[in-house]
Amino acid sequence: MKKVVFLFSIMLISAITSNAQSNEQILEDAINYKFIAWGSEWWVDDYVPNSVVVGNIDYSNPSLWVVTGQWKFERAFSHYNATFTAKVAIYSDNSYKIKSLCYYDPTTGDSECKSY
């Protein structure tokens, strides 16, 4: 798993520095990866891969962006939409690191966060 994380980090830094993708697409890919890893720990729900859609990026703090959007999960053969908030550190070399990822489950009213 560490090799995959390292490789993904190198790919993320390369994509950011080359401006090959928009910030939204880069962040969607990074958040998707975090949900895949986090979702592997869940017992009841299944994360729907590649379902992350960035809705807004708050750039007011240039070194810590707040990203909000939606993602999907399955539970008992039903599909649900949920919201997320991610805090993303921005470094001087233009690389990103997701510092935290939180989601709101509309079916239960619960929220959960994970720090990285």
C-alpha atoms as a PDB file:
ATOM      1  CA  MET A   1       0.000   0.000   0.000  1.00  0.00           C
ATOM      2  CA  LYS A   2       2.877   2.414   0.747  1.00  0.00           C
ATOM      3  CA  LYS A   3       4.259   1.956  -2.760  1.00  0.00           C
ATOM      4  CA  VAL A   4       0.851   2.780  -4.258  1.00  0.00           C
ATOM      5  CA  VAL A   5       0.532   5.899  -2.076  1.00  0.00           C
ATOM      6  CA  PHE A   6       4.041   7.043  -3.030  1.00  0.00           C
ATOM      7  CA  LEU A   7       3.395   6.455  -6.728  1.00  0.00           C
ATOM      8  CA  PHE A   8       0.077   8.293  -6.535  1.00  0.00           C
ATOM      9  CA  SER A   9       1.785  11.206  -4.747  1.00  0.00           C
ATOM     10  CA  ILE A  10       4.416  11.460  -7.498  1.00  0.00           C
ATOM     11  CA  MET A  11       1.698  11.364 -10.166  1.00  0.00           C
ATOM     12  CA  LEU A  12      -0.280  14.050  -8.320  1.00  0.00           C
ATOM     13  CA  ILE A  13       2.743  16.358  -8.032  1.00  0.00           C
ATOM     14  CA  SER A  14       3.577  15.815 -11.701  1.00  0.00           C
ATOM     15  CA  ALA A  15       0.039  16.619 -12.804  1.00  0.00           C
ATOM     16  CA  ILE A  16      -0.044  19.779 -10.707  1.00  0.00           C
ATOM     17  CA  THR A  17       3.267  21.118 -11.925  1.00  0.00           C
ATOM     18  CA  SER A  18       2.506  20.410 -15.574  1.00  0.00           C
ATOM     19  CA  ASN A  19      -0.959  22.024 -15.419  1.00  0.00           C
ATOM     20  CA  ALA A  20      -2.191  19.100 -17.512  1.00  0.00           C
ATOM     21  CA  GLN A  21      -5.476  19.026 -15.569  1.00  0.00           C
ATOM     22  CA  SER A  22      -7.646  21.582 -13.828  1.00  0.00           C
ATOM     23  CA  ASN A  23      -7.481  21.958 -10.053  1.00  0.00           C
ATOM     24  CA  GLU A  24     -10.958  20.413  -9.860  1.00  0.00           C
ATOM     25  CA  GLN A  25      -9.938  17.276 -11.759  1.00  0.00           C
ATOM     26  CA  ILE A  26      -6.700  16.838  -9.810  1.00  0.00           C
ATOM     27  CA  LEU A  27      -8.546  17.225  -6.509  1.00  0.00           C
ATOM     28  CA  GLU A  28     -11.359  14.903  -7.609  1.00  0.00           C
ATOM     29  CA  ASP A  29      -8.770  12.225  -8.395  1.00  0.00           C
ATOM     30  CA  ALA A  30      -6.983  12.718  -5.064  1.00  0.00           C
ATOM     31  CA  ILE A  31     -10.214  12.716  -3.028  1.00  0.00           C
ATOM     32  CA  ASN A  32     -11.461   9.684  -4.960  1.00  0.00           C
ATOM     33  CA  TYR A  33      -8.272   7.846  -3.983  1.00  0.00           C
ATOM     34  CA  LYS A  34      -8.794   8.777  -0.303  1.00  0.00           C
ATOM     35  CA  PHE A  35     -12.407   7.552  -0.406  1.00  0.00           C
ATOM     36  CA  ILE A  36     -11.321   4.260  -2.014  1.00  0.00           C
ATOM     37  CA  ALA A  37      -8.820   3.679   0.806  1.00  0.00           C
ATOM     38  CA  TRP A  38     -11.207   4.836   3.536  1.00  0.00           C
ATOM     39  CA  GLY A  39     -14.140   2.916   2.054  1.00  0.00           C
ATOM     40  CA  SER A  40     -12.163  -0.324   2.267  1.00  0.00           C
ATOM     41  CA  GLU A  41     -12.521  -0.005   6.064  1.00  0.00           C
ATOM     42  CA  TRP A  42     -16.341   0.255   5.980  1.00  0.00           C
ATOM     43  CA  TRP A  43     -18.516  -2.733   6.819  1.00  0.00           C
ATOM     44  CA  VAL A  44     -21.941  -1.627   5.598  1.00  0.00           C
ATOM     45  CA  ASP A  45     -21.404   0.945   2.854  1.00  0.00           C
ATOM     46  CA  ASP A  46     -19.572   0.678  -0.443  1.00  0.00           C
ATOM     47  CA  TYR A  47     -17.959   3.748  -1.972  1.00  0.00           C
ATOM     48  CA  VAL A  48     -18.809   4.175  -5.671  1.00  0.00           C
ATOM     49  CA  PRO A  49     -15.380   4.674  -7.300  1.00  0.00           C
ATOM     50  CA  ASN A  50     -14.874   7.833  -9.359  1.00  0.00           C
ATOM     51  CA  SER A  51     -18.074   9.409  -8.028  1.00  0.00           C
ATOM     52  CA  VAL A  52     -16.385  12.445  -6.453  1.00  0.00           C
ATOM     53  CA  VAL A  53     -17.489  15.760  -7.960  1.00  0.00           C
ATOM     54  CA  VAL A  54     -15.866  18.960  -6.685  1.00  0.00           C
ATOM     55  CA  GLY A  55     -18.476  21.665  -6.262  1.00  0.00           C
ATOM     56  CA  ASN A  56     -16.412  24.501  -4.825  1.00  0.00           C
ATOM     57  CA  ILE A  57     -12.829  25.332  -3.929  1.00  0.00           C
ATOM     58  CA  ASP A  58     -12.330  28.104  -1.372  1.00  0.00           C
ATOM     59  CA  TYR A  59      -9.023  29.748  -2.277  1.00  0.00           C
ATOM     60  CA  SER A  60      -9.217  32.438   0.441  1.00  0.00           C
ATOM     61  CA  ASN A  61      -6.253  30.894   2.296  1.00  0.00           C
ATOM     62  CA  PRO A  62      -3.594  30.336  -0.390  1.00  0.00           C
ATOM     63  CA  SER A  63      -1.836  27.630   1.625  1.00  0.00           C
ATOM     64  CA  LEU A  64      -4.945  25.691   2.746  1.00  0.00           C
ATOM     65  CA  TRP A  65      -7.826  25.282   0.327  1.00  0.00           C
ATOM     66  CA  VAL A  66     -11.232  24.063   1.471  1.00  0.00           C
ATOM     67  CA  VAL A  67     -12.855  21.818  -1.117  1.00  0.00           C
ATOM     68  CA  THR A  68     -16.525  20.813  -1.010  1.00  0.00           C
ATOM     69  CA  GLY A  69     -18.521  18.525  -3.232  1.00  0.00           C
ATOM     70  CA  GLN A  70     -20.460  15.297  -3.555  1.00  0.00           C
ATOM     71  CA  TRP A  71     -19.749  11.581  -3.746  1.00  0.00           C
ATOM     72  CA  LYS A  72     -21.826   8.396  -3.925  1.00  0.00           C
ATOM     73  CA  PHE A  73     -22.127   5.236  -1.912  1.00  0.00           C
ATOM     74  CA  GLU A  74     -24.217   2.070  -1.887  1.00  0.00           C
ATOM     75  CA  ARG A  75     -25.975   0.524   1.076  1.00  0.00           C
ATOM     76  CA  ALA A  76     -28.241  -2.498   0.898  1.00  0.00           C
ATOM     77  CA  PHE A  77     -28.616  -2.276  -2.901  1.00  0.00           C
ATOM     78  CA  SER A  78     -29.559   1.421  -2.794  1.00  0.00           C
ATOM     79  CA  HIS A  79     -27.504   4.363  -4.089  1.00  0.00           C
ATOM     80  CA  TYR A  80     -27.033   7.565  -2.094  1.00  0.00           C
ATOM     81  CA  ASN A  81     -25.425  10.949  -2.661  1.00  0.00           C
ATOM     82  CA  ALA A  82     -23.444  12.497   0.168  1.00  0.00           C
ATOM     83  CA  THR A  83     -21.393  15.657   0.641  1.00  0.00           C
ATOM     84  CA  PHE A  84     -17.758  16.028   1.616  1.00  0.00           C
ATOM     85  CA  THR A  85     -15.366  18.719   2.793  1.00  0.00           C
ATOM     86  CA  ALA A  86     -11.620  18.334   2.307  1.00  0.00           C
ATOM     87  CA  LYS A  87      -8.839  20.563   3.589  1.00  0.00           C
ATOM     88  CA  VAL A  88      -5.937  20.582   1.174  1.00  0.00           C
ATOM     89  CA  ALA A  89      -2.495  21.998   1.991  1.00  0.00           C
ATOM     90  CA  ILE A  90      -0.788  23.773  -0.894  1.00  0.00           C
ATOM     91  CA  TYR A  91       3.013  23.872  -0.842  1.00  0.00           C
ATOM     92  CA  SER A  92       5.474  26.290  -2.448  1.00  0.00           C
ATOM     93  CA  ASP A  93       6.418  23.712  -5.110  1.00  0.00           C
ATOM     94  CA  ASN A  94       2.725  23.609  -6.165  1.00  0.00           C
ATOM     95  CA  SER A  95       2.162  20.140  -4.715  1.00  0.00           C
ATOM     96  CA  TYR A  96      -0.996  19.291  -2.771  1.00  0.00           C
ATOM     97  CA  LYS A  97      -1.654  17.163   0.288  1.00  0.00           C
ATOM     98  CA  ILE A  98      -5.087  16.327   1.616  1.00  0.00           C
ATOM     99  CA  LYS A  99      -4.947  17.096   5.346  1.00  0.00           C
ATOM    100  CA  SER A 100      -8.489  16.019   6.236  1.00  0.00           C
ATOM    101  CA  LEU A 101     -11.574  14.576   4.598  1.00  0.00           C
ATOM    102  CA  CYS A 102     -15.031  14.748   6.167  1.00  0.00           C
ATOM    103  CA  TYR A 103     -18.375  13.538   4.912  1.00  0.00           C
ATOM    104  CA  TYR A 104     -22.008  13.923   5.860  1.00  0.00           C
ATOM    105  CA  ASP A 105     -24.263  10.859   5.574  1.00  0.00           C
ATOM    106  CA  PRO A 106     -27.767  12.089   4.675  1.00  0.00           C
ATOM    107  CA  THR A 107     -29.341   8.734   5.566  1.00  0.00           C
ATOM    108  CA  THR A 108     -28.277   8.882   9.217  1.00  0.00           C
ATOM    109  CA  GLY A 109     -27.416  12.553   9.751  1.00  0.00           C
ATOM    110  CA  ASP A 110     -23.951  11.517  10.912  1.00  0.00           C
ATOM    111  CA  SER A 111     -20.630  13.097   9.949  1.00  0.00           C
ATOM    112  CA  GLU A 112     -17.212  11.518  10.047  1.00  0.00           C
ATOM    113  CA  CYS A 113     -13.737  12.917   9.445  1.00  0.00           C
ATOM    114  CA  LYS A 114     -10.333  11.440   8.787  1.00  0.00           C
ATOM    115  CA  SER A 115      -7.018  13.301   9.103  1.00  0.00           C
ATOM    116  CA  TYR A 116      -3.944  12.523   7.026  1.00  0.00           C
END
